[in-house]
N, C-alpha and C. Protein backbone atom coordinates (compact mmCIF):
# COMPACT_ATOMS: atom_id res chain seq x y z
N UNK A 1 0.82 -1.18 0.00
CA UNK A 1 0.00 0.00 0.00
C UNK A 1 0.86 1.24 0.00
N UNK A 2 1.98 1.23 0.75
CA UNK A 2 2.88 2.37 0.82
C UNK A 2 3.54 2.66 -0.50
N UNK A 3 3.89 1.63 -1.26
CA UNK A 3 4.55 1.84 -2.55
C UNK A 3 3.58 2.43 -3.57
N UNK A 4 2.29 2.08 -3.48
CA UNK A 4 1.30 2.65 -4.40
C UNK A 4 1.11 4.13 -4.11
N UNK A 5 1.11 4.50 -2.81
CA UNK A 5 0.96 5.91 -2.45
C UNK A 5 2.19 6.70 -2.89
N UNK A 6 3.36 6.07 -2.76
CA UNK A 6 4.60 6.74 -3.17
C UNK A 6 4.64 6.90 -4.69
N UNK A 7 3.98 6.01 -5.42
CA UNK A 7 3.97 6.08 -6.87
C UNK A 7 2.92 7.07 -7.37
N UNK A 8 2.21 7.70 -6.45
CA UNK A 8 1.23 8.70 -6.84
C UNK A 8 -0.14 8.13 -7.15
N UNK A 9 -0.46 6.90 -6.72
CA UNK A 9 -1.78 6.31 -6.96
C UNK A 9 -2.71 6.77 -5.86
N UNK A 10 -3.86 7.24 -6.25
CA UNK A 10 -4.87 7.69 -5.28
C UNK A 10 -5.27 6.49 -4.42
N UNK A 11 -5.32 6.63 -3.08
CA UNK A 11 -5.70 5.51 -2.19
C UNK A 11 -7.06 4.90 -2.55
N UNK A 12 -7.96 5.67 -3.12
CA UNK A 12 -9.26 5.14 -3.52
C UNK A 12 -9.17 4.23 -4.74
N UNK A 13 -8.04 4.28 -5.47
CA UNK A 13 -7.85 3.45 -6.66
C UNK A 13 -6.92 2.27 -6.41
N UNK A 14 -6.42 2.13 -5.20
CA UNK A 14 -5.52 1.01 -4.89
C UNK A 14 -6.30 -0.30 -4.90
N UNK A 15 -5.69 -1.33 -5.48
CA UNK A 15 -6.30 -2.66 -5.48
C UNK A 15 -6.19 -3.27 -4.08
N UNK A 16 -7.28 -3.80 -3.61
CA UNK A 16 -7.32 -4.46 -2.30
C UNK A 16 -7.98 -5.83 -2.48
N UNK A 17 -7.65 -6.73 -1.57
CA UNK A 17 -8.29 -8.06 -1.58
C UNK A 17 -9.44 -8.04 -0.58
N UNK A 18 -10.61 -8.44 -1.04
CA UNK A 18 -11.77 -8.50 -0.15
C UNK A 18 -11.61 -9.67 0.81
N UNK A 19 -11.85 -9.42 2.08
CA UNK A 19 -11.69 -10.45 3.11
C UNK A 19 -13.02 -10.95 3.65
N UNK A 20 -14.13 -10.56 3.01
CA UNK A 20 -15.42 -11.13 3.40
C UNK A 20 -15.39 -12.63 3.08
N UNK A 21 -16.08 -13.43 3.89
CA UNK A 21 -16.07 -14.88 3.71
C UNK A 21 -16.52 -15.26 2.31
N UNK A 22 -15.66 -15.99 1.61
CA UNK A 22 -16.02 -16.54 0.31
C UNK A 22 -15.92 -15.59 -0.87
N UNK A 23 -15.49 -14.35 -0.68
CA UNK A 23 -15.43 -13.41 -1.81
C UNK A 23 -14.10 -13.55 -2.55
N UNK A 24 -13.00 -13.17 -1.92
CA UNK A 24 -11.65 -13.28 -2.49
C UNK A 24 -11.44 -12.46 -3.77
N UNK A 25 -12.28 -11.49 -4.04
CA UNK A 25 -12.10 -10.67 -5.25
C UNK A 25 -11.25 -9.45 -4.92
N UNK A 26 -10.65 -8.89 -5.95
CA UNK A 26 -9.89 -7.64 -5.84
C UNK A 26 -10.85 -6.49 -6.13
N UNK A 27 -10.66 -5.40 -5.44
CA UNK A 27 -11.53 -4.24 -5.66
C UNK A 27 -10.76 -2.96 -5.34
N UNK A 28 -11.29 -1.86 -5.78
CA UNK A 28 -10.75 -0.57 -5.36
C UNK A 28 -11.90 0.20 -4.70
N UNK A 29 -11.57 0.99 -3.72
CA UNK A 29 -12.57 1.65 -2.89
C UNK A 29 -13.47 2.58 -3.70
N UNK A 30 -12.95 3.17 -4.74
CA UNK A 30 -13.74 4.11 -5.54
C UNK A 30 -14.94 3.41 -6.20
N UNK A 31 -14.80 2.15 -6.56
CA UNK A 31 -15.88 1.40 -7.23
C UNK A 31 -16.57 0.42 -6.28
N UNK A 32 -16.45 0.66 -4.99
CA UNK A 32 -17.00 -0.26 -3.99
C UNK A 32 -18.36 0.26 -3.51
N UNK A 33 -19.44 -0.30 -4.06
CA UNK A 33 -20.79 0.13 -3.70
C UNK A 33 -21.53 -1.02 -3.04
N UNK A 34 -22.63 -0.70 -2.35
CA UNK A 34 -23.48 -1.74 -1.78
C UNK A 34 -23.91 -2.70 -2.87
N UNK A 35 -23.84 -3.98 -2.59
CA UNK A 35 -24.25 -4.99 -3.55
C UNK A 35 -23.12 -5.48 -4.44
N UNK A 36 -21.95 -4.87 -4.36
CA UNK A 36 -20.81 -5.28 -5.20
C UNK A 36 -20.22 -6.62 -4.74
N UNK A 37 -20.32 -6.90 -3.46
CA UNK A 37 -19.69 -8.09 -2.89
C UNK A 37 -20.73 -9.13 -2.51
N UNK A 38 -20.61 -10.30 -3.11
CA UNK A 38 -21.48 -11.42 -2.73
C UNK A 38 -20.62 -12.33 -1.86
N UNK A 39 -21.03 -12.51 -0.62
CA UNK A 39 -20.20 -13.23 0.33
C UNK A 39 -21.06 -14.03 1.31
N UNK A 40 -20.39 -14.74 2.21
CA UNK A 40 -21.07 -15.49 3.27
C UNK A 40 -20.96 -14.70 4.57
N UNK A 41 -21.90 -14.91 5.46
CA UNK A 41 -21.93 -14.14 6.71
C UNK A 41 -21.24 -14.84 7.86
N UNK A 42 -20.95 -16.14 7.70
CA UNK A 42 -20.31 -16.90 8.78
C UNK A 42 -19.15 -17.70 8.22
N UNK A 43 -18.23 -18.16 9.09
CA UNK A 43 -17.02 -18.84 8.63
C UNK A 43 -17.29 -20.23 8.05
N UNK A 44 -16.26 -20.78 7.39
CA UNK A 44 -16.42 -22.12 6.80
C UNK A 44 -16.35 -23.21 7.86
N UNK A 45 -16.90 -24.39 7.48
CA UNK A 45 -16.85 -25.57 8.33
C UNK A 45 -16.18 -26.66 7.51
N UNK A 46 -15.19 -27.30 8.11
CA UNK A 46 -14.52 -28.44 7.49
C UNK A 46 -14.70 -29.61 8.44
N UNK A 47 -15.65 -30.49 8.12
CA UNK A 47 -15.98 -31.60 9.01
C UNK A 47 -15.91 -32.89 8.21
N UNK A 48 -15.01 -33.78 8.64
CA UNK A 48 -14.73 -35.01 7.92
C UNK A 48 -14.40 -34.64 6.49
N UNK A 49 -15.14 -35.09 5.51
CA UNK A 49 -14.80 -34.71 4.13
C UNK A 49 -15.67 -33.58 3.61
N UNK A 50 -16.67 -33.16 4.38
CA UNK A 50 -17.58 -32.11 3.95
C UNK A 50 -16.99 -30.72 4.18
N UNK A 51 -17.28 -29.83 3.26
CA UNK A 51 -16.87 -28.43 3.36
C UNK A 51 -18.10 -27.59 3.07
N UNK A 52 -18.40 -26.64 3.95
CA UNK A 52 -19.54 -25.76 3.72
C UNK A 52 -19.39 -24.51 4.57
N UNK A 53 -20.24 -23.54 4.28
CA UNK A 53 -20.24 -22.29 5.05
C UNK A 53 -21.26 -22.46 6.16
N UNK A 54 -20.91 -22.04 7.38
CA UNK A 54 -21.81 -22.26 8.51
C UNK A 54 -23.13 -21.50 8.37
N UNK A 55 -23.17 -20.48 7.53
CA UNK A 55 -24.43 -19.77 7.27
C UNK A 55 -25.28 -20.51 6.24
N UNK A 56 -24.68 -21.45 5.51
CA UNK A 56 -25.39 -22.20 4.46
C UNK A 56 -25.12 -23.70 4.62
N UNK A 57 -25.54 -24.31 5.73
CA UNK A 57 -25.19 -25.72 5.99
C UNK A 57 -25.82 -26.70 5.01
N UNK A 58 -26.83 -26.29 4.27
CA UNK A 58 -27.49 -27.18 3.31
C UNK A 58 -26.74 -27.25 1.97
N UNK A 59 -25.72 -26.42 1.79
CA UNK A 59 -24.93 -26.43 0.54
C UNK A 59 -23.55 -26.99 0.87
N UNK A 60 -23.38 -28.30 0.71
CA UNK A 60 -22.11 -28.94 1.05
C UNK A 60 -21.33 -29.32 -0.19
N UNK A 61 -20.01 -29.30 -0.05
CA UNK A 61 -19.12 -29.72 -1.12
C UNK A 61 -18.12 -30.71 -0.52
N UNK A 62 -17.54 -31.53 -1.39
CA UNK A 62 -16.58 -32.52 -0.91
C UNK A 62 -15.20 -32.36 -1.55
N UNK A 63 -15.05 -31.35 -2.39
CA UNK A 63 -13.72 -31.02 -2.90
C UNK A 63 -13.58 -29.50 -2.86
N UNK A 64 -12.34 -29.03 -2.89
CA UNK A 64 -12.06 -27.61 -2.69
C UNK A 64 -12.69 -26.73 -3.76
N UNK A 65 -12.58 -27.15 -5.02
CA UNK A 65 -13.09 -26.33 -6.11
C UNK A 65 -14.60 -26.13 -5.97
N UNK A 66 -15.33 -27.20 -5.67
CA UNK A 66 -16.78 -27.09 -5.51
C UNK A 66 -17.12 -26.22 -4.31
N UNK A 67 -16.34 -26.33 -3.25
CA UNK A 67 -16.57 -25.51 -2.06
C UNK A 67 -16.42 -24.03 -2.40
N UNK A 68 -15.37 -23.69 -3.15
CA UNK A 68 -15.12 -22.29 -3.49
C UNK A 68 -16.16 -21.74 -4.46
N UNK A 69 -16.91 -22.61 -5.13
CA UNK A 69 -17.95 -22.17 -6.07
C UNK A 69 -19.30 -21.93 -5.39
N UNK A 70 -19.42 -22.25 -4.12
CA UNK A 70 -20.70 -22.03 -3.43
C UNK A 70 -20.93 -20.52 -3.35
N UNK A 71 -22.00 -20.07 -3.96
CA UNK A 71 -22.30 -18.64 -4.02
C UNK A 71 -22.63 -18.10 -2.64
N UNK A 72 -22.22 -16.87 -2.40
CA UNK A 72 -22.51 -16.21 -1.13
C UNK A 72 -24.00 -16.03 -0.91
N UNK A 73 -24.36 -15.85 0.35
CA UNK A 73 -25.78 -15.70 0.70
C UNK A 73 -26.13 -14.26 1.07
N UNK A 74 -25.14 -13.36 1.01
CA UNK A 74 -25.39 -11.97 1.38
C UNK A 74 -24.69 -11.05 0.36
N UNK A 75 -25.25 -9.84 0.22
CA UNK A 75 -24.64 -8.82 -0.63
C UNK A 75 -24.29 -7.62 0.23
N UNK A 76 -23.22 -6.95 -0.14
CA UNK A 76 -22.82 -5.76 0.58
C UNK A 76 -21.61 -5.14 -0.10
N UNK A 77 -20.85 -4.36 0.64
CA UNK A 77 -19.62 -3.76 0.13
C UNK A 77 -18.45 -4.69 0.39
N UNK A 78 -17.44 -4.61 -0.49
CA UNK A 78 -16.20 -5.33 -0.24
C UNK A 78 -15.53 -4.74 1.00
N UNK A 79 -14.71 -5.53 1.66
CA UNK A 79 -14.00 -5.04 2.85
C UNK A 79 -12.61 -5.68 2.91
N UNK A 80 -11.64 -4.87 3.33
CA UNK A 80 -10.29 -5.43 3.52
C UNK A 80 -10.02 -5.70 5.00
N UNK A 81 -11.08 -5.70 5.80
CA UNK A 81 -10.96 -6.01 7.23
C UNK A 81 -11.52 -7.41 7.45
N UNK A 82 -10.73 -8.26 8.14
CA UNK A 82 -11.20 -9.62 8.41
C UNK A 82 -12.42 -9.58 9.33
N UNK A 83 -13.42 -10.42 9.03
CA UNK A 83 -14.61 -10.46 9.88
C UNK A 83 -14.27 -10.97 11.29
N UNK A 84 -15.07 -10.57 12.26
CA UNK A 84 -14.92 -11.09 13.62
C UNK A 84 -15.22 -12.59 13.59
N UNK A 85 -14.66 -13.33 14.55
CA UNK A 85 -14.89 -14.79 14.64
C UNK A 85 -14.66 -15.46 13.29
N UNK A 86 -13.47 -15.26 12.74
CA UNK A 86 -13.21 -15.75 11.40
C UNK A 86 -12.53 -17.12 11.35
N UNK A 87 -12.39 -17.79 12.48
CA UNK A 87 -11.74 -19.10 12.49
C UNK A 87 -12.65 -20.14 11.85
N UNK A 88 -12.06 -21.01 11.04
CA UNK A 88 -12.82 -22.10 10.43
C UNK A 88 -13.29 -23.05 11.53
N UNK A 89 -14.46 -23.61 11.33
CA UNK A 89 -15.03 -24.54 12.30
C UNK A 89 -14.78 -25.97 11.84
N UNK A 90 -14.84 -26.90 12.79
CA UNK A 90 -14.59 -28.30 12.45
C UNK A 90 -15.36 -29.23 13.34
N UNK A 91 -14.84 -30.47 13.48
CA UNK A 91 -15.51 -31.56 14.17
C UNK A 91 -16.15 -31.25 15.49
N UNK A 92 -15.40 -30.74 16.45
CA UNK A 92 -15.97 -30.52 17.78
C UNK A 92 -17.03 -29.43 17.75
N UNK A 93 -16.91 -28.45 16.87
CA UNK A 93 -17.93 -27.42 16.75
C UNK A 93 -19.23 -28.01 16.21
N UNK A 94 -19.09 -28.88 15.22
CA UNK A 94 -20.27 -29.46 14.59
C UNK A 94 -20.94 -30.44 15.54
N UNK A 95 -20.16 -31.30 16.19
CA UNK A 95 -20.75 -32.26 17.13
C UNK A 95 -21.40 -31.55 18.30
N UNK A 96 -20.89 -30.39 18.68
CA UNK A 96 -21.45 -29.65 19.80
C UNK A 96 -22.81 -29.05 19.50
N UNK A 97 -23.22 -29.02 18.23
CA UNK A 97 -24.50 -28.42 17.86
C UNK A 97 -25.67 -29.36 18.09
N UNK A 98 -25.42 -30.63 18.34
CA UNK A 98 -26.52 -31.55 18.58
C UNK A 98 -26.91 -31.49 20.04
N UNK A 99 -28.12 -31.05 20.29
CA UNK A 99 -28.60 -30.90 21.66
C UNK A 99 -29.28 -32.15 22.18
N UNK A 100 -29.84 -32.97 21.28
CA UNK A 100 -30.60 -34.14 21.72
C UNK A 100 -29.71 -35.38 21.63
N UNK A 101 -29.66 -36.18 22.69
CA UNK A 101 -28.91 -37.44 22.60
C UNK A 101 -29.68 -38.43 21.72
N UNK A 102 -28.95 -39.29 21.06
CA UNK A 102 -29.55 -40.31 20.22
C UNK A 102 -30.18 -41.36 21.14
N UNK A 103 -31.50 -41.59 21.04
CA UNK A 103 -32.15 -42.55 21.95
C UNK A 103 -31.69 -43.98 21.72
N UNK A 104 -31.08 -44.27 20.56
CA UNK A 104 -30.61 -45.63 20.30
C UNK A 104 -29.25 -45.92 20.92
N UNK A 105 -28.58 -44.88 21.40
CA UNK A 105 -27.28 -45.09 22.01
C UNK A 105 -27.43 -45.47 23.47
N UNK A 106 -26.62 -46.43 23.91
CA UNK A 106 -26.63 -46.81 25.31
C UNK A 106 -25.94 -45.74 26.14
N UNK A 107 -26.29 -45.66 27.38
CA UNK A 107 -25.54 -44.81 28.30
C UNK A 107 -24.22 -45.50 28.54
N UNK A 108 -23.18 -44.74 28.83
CA UNK A 108 -21.86 -45.32 29.03
C UNK A 108 -21.86 -46.30 30.20
N UNK A 109 -22.67 -46.02 31.22
CA UNK A 109 -22.75 -46.94 32.36
C UNK A 109 -23.31 -48.29 31.94
N UNK A 110 -24.35 -48.27 31.07
CA UNK A 110 -24.93 -49.51 30.57
C UNK A 110 -23.93 -50.27 29.72
N UNK A 111 -23.22 -49.54 28.88
CA UNK A 111 -22.24 -50.19 28.01
C UNK A 111 -21.13 -50.84 28.83
N UNK A 112 -20.61 -50.09 29.80
CA UNK A 112 -19.51 -50.61 30.61
C UNK A 112 -19.94 -51.76 31.50
N UNK A 113 -21.19 -51.79 31.93
CA UNK A 113 -21.64 -52.87 32.80
C UNK A 113 -22.05 -54.09 31.99
N UNK A 114 -22.13 -53.94 30.67
CA UNK A 114 -22.53 -55.07 29.83
C UNK A 114 -24.04 -55.27 29.83
N UNK A 115 -24.77 -54.37 30.43
CA UNK A 115 -26.23 -54.49 30.48
C UNK A 115 -26.85 -53.47 29.55
N UNK A 116 -27.87 -53.90 28.91
CA UNK A 116 -28.60 -52.99 28.03
C UNK A 116 -29.81 -52.45 28.79
N UNK A 117 -30.27 -51.29 28.39
CA UNK A 117 -31.47 -50.72 28.99
C UNK A 117 -32.69 -51.56 28.60
N UNK A 118 -32.61 -52.31 27.49
CA UNK A 118 -33.69 -53.18 27.05
C UNK A 118 -33.42 -54.59 27.59
N UNK A 119 -34.41 -55.18 28.25
CA UNK A 119 -34.25 -56.53 28.79
C UNK A 119 -34.16 -57.53 27.64
N UNK A 120 -33.39 -58.60 27.82
CA UNK A 120 -33.19 -59.57 26.73
C UNK A 120 -34.49 -60.16 26.17
N UNK A 121 -35.44 -60.49 27.05
CA UNK A 121 -36.68 -61.08 26.55
C UNK A 121 -37.49 -60.09 25.73
N UNK A 122 -37.43 -58.82 26.11
CA UNK A 122 -38.13 -57.78 25.34
C UNK A 122 -37.44 -57.59 23.98
N UNK A 123 -36.10 -57.59 23.98
CA UNK A 123 -35.36 -57.46 22.73
C UNK A 123 -35.64 -58.65 21.81
N UNK A 124 -35.73 -59.85 22.40
CA UNK A 124 -36.03 -61.04 21.61
C UNK A 124 -37.42 -60.94 20.98
N UNK A 125 -38.38 -60.47 21.76
CA UNK A 125 -39.74 -60.32 21.25
C UNK A 125 -39.74 -59.38 20.04
N UNK A 126 -39.08 -58.25 20.15
CA UNK A 126 -39.04 -57.29 19.04
C UNK A 126 -38.33 -57.90 17.82
N UNK A 127 -37.26 -58.67 18.07
CA UNK A 127 -36.55 -59.30 16.96
C UNK A 127 -37.43 -60.34 16.26
N UNK A 128 -38.15 -61.14 17.04
CA UNK A 128 -39.01 -62.16 16.44
C UNK A 128 -40.17 -61.53 15.67
N UNK A 129 -40.77 -60.49 16.21
CA UNK A 129 -41.83 -59.80 15.51
C UNK A 129 -41.28 -59.21 14.21
N UNK A 130 -40.04 -58.72 14.27
CA UNK A 130 -39.40 -58.14 13.10
C UNK A 130 -39.20 -59.13 11.96
N UNK A 131 -39.09 -60.41 12.28
CA UNK A 131 -38.91 -61.42 11.22
C UNK A 131 -40.21 -62.16 10.92
N UNK A 132 -41.33 -61.65 11.47
CA UNK A 132 -42.63 -62.19 11.09
C UNK A 132 -43.31 -63.10 12.09
N UNK A 133 -42.76 -63.30 13.26
CA UNK A 133 -43.42 -64.13 14.26
C UNK A 133 -44.56 -63.35 14.90
N UNK A 134 -45.51 -64.09 15.45
CA UNK A 134 -46.67 -63.48 16.07
C UNK A 134 -46.34 -63.01 17.49
N UNK A 135 -46.69 -61.78 17.80
CA UNK A 135 -46.49 -61.27 19.16
C UNK A 135 -47.36 -62.03 20.14
N UNK A 136 -48.57 -62.41 19.72
CA UNK A 136 -49.48 -63.16 20.60
C UNK A 136 -48.89 -64.53 20.94
N UNK A 137 -48.29 -65.20 19.95
CA UNK A 137 -47.68 -66.51 20.22
C UNK A 137 -46.51 -66.36 21.19
N UNK A 138 -45.70 -65.34 20.99
CA UNK A 138 -44.56 -65.12 21.90
C UNK A 138 -45.06 -64.85 23.32
N UNK A 139 -46.07 -63.99 23.43
CA UNK A 139 -46.61 -63.67 24.76
C UNK A 139 -47.18 -64.91 25.44
N UNK A 140 -47.87 -65.77 24.66
CA UNK A 140 -48.44 -67.01 25.22
C UNK A 140 -47.31 -67.93 25.71
N UNK A 141 -46.24 -68.08 24.91
CA UNK A 141 -45.11 -68.92 25.32
C UNK A 141 -44.46 -68.36 26.58
N UNK A 142 -44.33 -67.07 26.65
CA UNK A 142 -43.75 -66.43 27.82
C UNK A 142 -44.63 -66.64 29.06
N UNK A 143 -45.94 -66.61 28.87
CA UNK A 143 -46.86 -66.86 29.98
C UNK A 143 -46.71 -68.29 30.49
N UNK A 144 -46.64 -69.26 29.58
CA UNK A 144 -46.47 -70.67 29.97
C UNK A 144 -45.17 -70.85 30.73
N UNK A 145 -44.08 -70.26 30.21
CA UNK A 145 -42.79 -70.38 30.88
C UNK A 145 -42.79 -69.64 32.22
N UNK A 146 -43.50 -68.53 32.29
CA UNK A 146 -43.60 -67.78 33.55
C UNK A 146 -44.25 -68.60 34.63
N UNK A 147 -45.31 -69.35 34.25
CA UNK A 147 -45.99 -70.23 35.21
C UNK A 147 -45.07 -71.39 35.60
N UNK A 148 -44.37 -71.96 34.63
CA UNK A 148 -43.49 -73.11 34.88
C UNK A 148 -42.35 -72.73 35.81
N UNK A 149 -41.76 -71.54 35.61
CA UNK A 149 -40.59 -71.13 36.39
C UNK A 149 -40.91 -70.05 37.41
N UNK A 150 -42.19 -69.90 37.74
CA UNK A 150 -42.64 -68.97 38.77
C UNK A 150 -42.09 -67.54 38.57
N UNK A 151 -42.05 -67.11 37.32
CA UNK A 151 -41.64 -65.74 37.00
C UNK A 151 -40.15 -65.47 37.07
N UNK A 152 -39.32 -66.50 37.28
CA UNK A 152 -37.86 -66.30 37.37
C UNK A 152 -37.32 -65.99 35.98
N UNK A 153 -36.99 -64.72 35.76
CA UNK A 153 -36.58 -64.25 34.43
C UNK A 153 -35.33 -64.96 33.92
N UNK A 154 -34.39 -65.26 34.80
CA UNK A 154 -33.17 -65.96 34.36
C UNK A 154 -33.50 -67.36 33.87
N UNK A 155 -34.38 -68.07 34.56
CA UNK A 155 -34.76 -69.42 34.15
C UNK A 155 -35.56 -69.38 32.85
N UNK A 156 -36.44 -68.40 32.73
CA UNK A 156 -37.24 -68.26 31.51
C UNK A 156 -36.31 -67.99 30.33
N UNK A 157 -35.35 -67.09 30.51
CA UNK A 157 -34.40 -66.76 29.45
C UNK A 157 -33.58 -67.98 29.05
N UNK A 158 -33.12 -68.74 30.05
CA UNK A 158 -32.32 -69.95 29.77
C UNK A 158 -33.15 -70.99 29.01
N UNK A 159 -34.42 -71.15 29.39
CA UNK A 159 -35.28 -72.12 28.71
C UNK A 159 -35.53 -71.71 27.26
N UNK A 160 -35.78 -70.41 27.03
CA UNK A 160 -35.99 -69.94 25.66
C UNK A 160 -34.73 -70.16 24.83
N UNK A 161 -33.57 -69.88 25.41
CA UNK A 161 -32.30 -70.09 24.69
C UNK A 161 -32.11 -71.56 24.36
N UNK A 162 -32.44 -72.44 25.30
CA UNK A 162 -32.31 -73.87 25.06
C UNK A 162 -33.25 -74.32 23.95
N UNK A 163 -34.51 -73.85 23.99
CA UNK A 163 -35.48 -74.21 22.95
C UNK A 163 -35.04 -73.72 21.58
N UNK A 164 -34.50 -72.50 21.53
CA UNK A 164 -33.98 -72.00 20.26
C UNK A 164 -32.81 -72.86 19.80
N UNK A 165 -31.97 -73.24 20.74
CA UNK A 165 -30.84 -74.11 20.40
C UNK A 165 -31.30 -75.43 19.81
N UNK A 166 -32.32 -76.05 20.44
CA UNK A 166 -32.86 -77.30 19.89
C UNK A 166 -33.43 -77.07 18.49
N UNK A 167 -34.15 -75.97 18.33
CA UNK A 167 -34.73 -75.68 17.03
C UNK A 167 -33.67 -75.52 15.95
N UNK A 168 -32.59 -74.83 16.28
CA UNK A 168 -31.51 -74.64 15.31
C UNK A 168 -30.83 -75.97 14.99
N UNK A 169 -30.61 -76.77 16.02
CA UNK A 169 -29.98 -78.08 15.77
C UNK A 169 -30.89 -78.98 14.96
N UNK A 170 -32.20 -78.93 15.20
CA UNK A 170 -33.13 -79.69 14.36
C UNK A 170 -33.05 -79.22 12.92
N UNK A 171 -32.94 -77.90 12.74
CA UNK A 171 -32.88 -77.32 11.40
C UNK A 171 -31.64 -77.80 10.64
N UNK A 172 -30.51 -77.86 11.30
CA UNK A 172 -29.27 -78.28 10.61
C UNK A 172 -29.02 -79.77 10.71
N UNK A 173 -29.92 -80.49 11.41
CA UNK A 173 -29.86 -81.94 11.43
C UNK A 173 -28.87 -82.54 12.42
N UNK A 174 -28.49 -81.84 13.46
CA UNK A 174 -27.53 -82.40 14.41
C UNK A 174 -28.17 -83.03 15.64
N UNK A 175 -29.51 -83.08 15.71
CA UNK A 175 -30.16 -83.70 16.87
C UNK A 175 -30.85 -85.00 16.48
N UNK A 176 -30.77 -85.37 15.20
CA UNK A 176 -31.37 -86.62 14.75
C UNK A 176 -30.52 -87.79 15.22
N UNK A 177 -31.14 -88.92 15.53
CA UNK A 177 -30.33 -90.09 15.93
C UNK A 177 -29.31 -90.40 14.85
N UNK A 178 -28.07 -90.56 15.28
CA UNK A 178 -26.99 -90.86 14.35
C UNK A 178 -26.53 -89.63 13.59
N UNK A 179 -27.10 -88.46 13.88
CA UNK A 179 -26.74 -87.24 13.17
C UNK A 179 -25.44 -86.63 13.68
N UNK A 180 -24.94 -87.10 14.77
CA UNK A 180 -23.71 -86.54 15.32
C UNK A 180 -23.10 -87.54 16.26
N UNK A 181 -22.11 -87.12 17.00
CA UNK A 181 -21.46 -88.00 17.95
C UNK A 181 -22.44 -88.34 19.06
N UNK A 182 -22.19 -89.43 19.77
CA UNK A 182 -23.05 -89.84 20.88
C UNK A 182 -23.15 -88.70 21.89
N UNK A 183 -24.37 -88.42 22.28
CA UNK A 183 -24.58 -87.37 23.26
C UNK A 183 -24.55 -85.98 22.66
N UNK A 184 -24.41 -85.88 21.33
CA UNK A 184 -24.38 -84.54 20.75
C UNK A 184 -25.80 -84.00 20.74
N UNK A 185 -25.92 -82.76 20.58
CA UNK A 185 -27.21 -82.10 20.60
C UNK A 185 -26.96 -80.65 20.92
N UNK A 186 -27.99 -79.97 21.22
CA UNK A 186 -27.80 -78.55 21.48
C UNK A 186 -27.03 -78.34 22.78
N UNK A 187 -26.23 -77.30 22.80
CA UNK A 187 -25.49 -77.04 24.03
C UNK A 187 -26.44 -76.53 25.11
N UNK A 188 -26.03 -76.63 26.34
CA UNK A 188 -26.81 -76.08 27.45
C UNK A 188 -26.49 -74.60 27.55
N UNK A 189 -27.50 -73.78 27.63
CA UNK A 189 -27.33 -72.35 27.72
C UNK A 189 -27.54 -71.91 29.15
N UNK A 190 -26.63 -71.09 29.63
CA UNK A 190 -26.77 -70.54 30.97
C UNK A 190 -27.16 -69.08 30.85
N UNK A 191 -27.99 -68.61 31.75
CA UNK A 191 -28.38 -67.20 31.68
C UNK A 191 -27.22 -66.28 32.00
């Protein structure tokens, strides 16, 4: 800038680089009017492979050239002053924007203890219904086992696992007489 002034160039005609987000054009102050600069109002976000402007999160790019082609969302004058809060955002900024926890995620205490918030028999019921079994049949079987084992959930779970084991072995033919070694059959399942 000093060399241009020394060369007799009017400061209003000096070339300057616009520092508004996403503009990067050269301008001179004499021709700088409202609406000359199309830019973004917030800094860029670089998260994993996505690149976008935080003011336009719905316009994402995955390579630099496409990112630089995202048109600004605001019009104004060019400026050679860096915007406030001009640091690029990334992973921790983006993850911090989610206020609601994912209901499908276990709590860390549940994960570390090896226990799920969903009881095994309830999870089994949902899985069986998901593959086409009748909820009424499952509930009836659970009622019969509840009466047999006086509501002991561990015994009921072990019995269901054993029955499934027998069913699978019948399916693959390892419980038929002579189908395997003497005494072979489904393994015993412990709760």
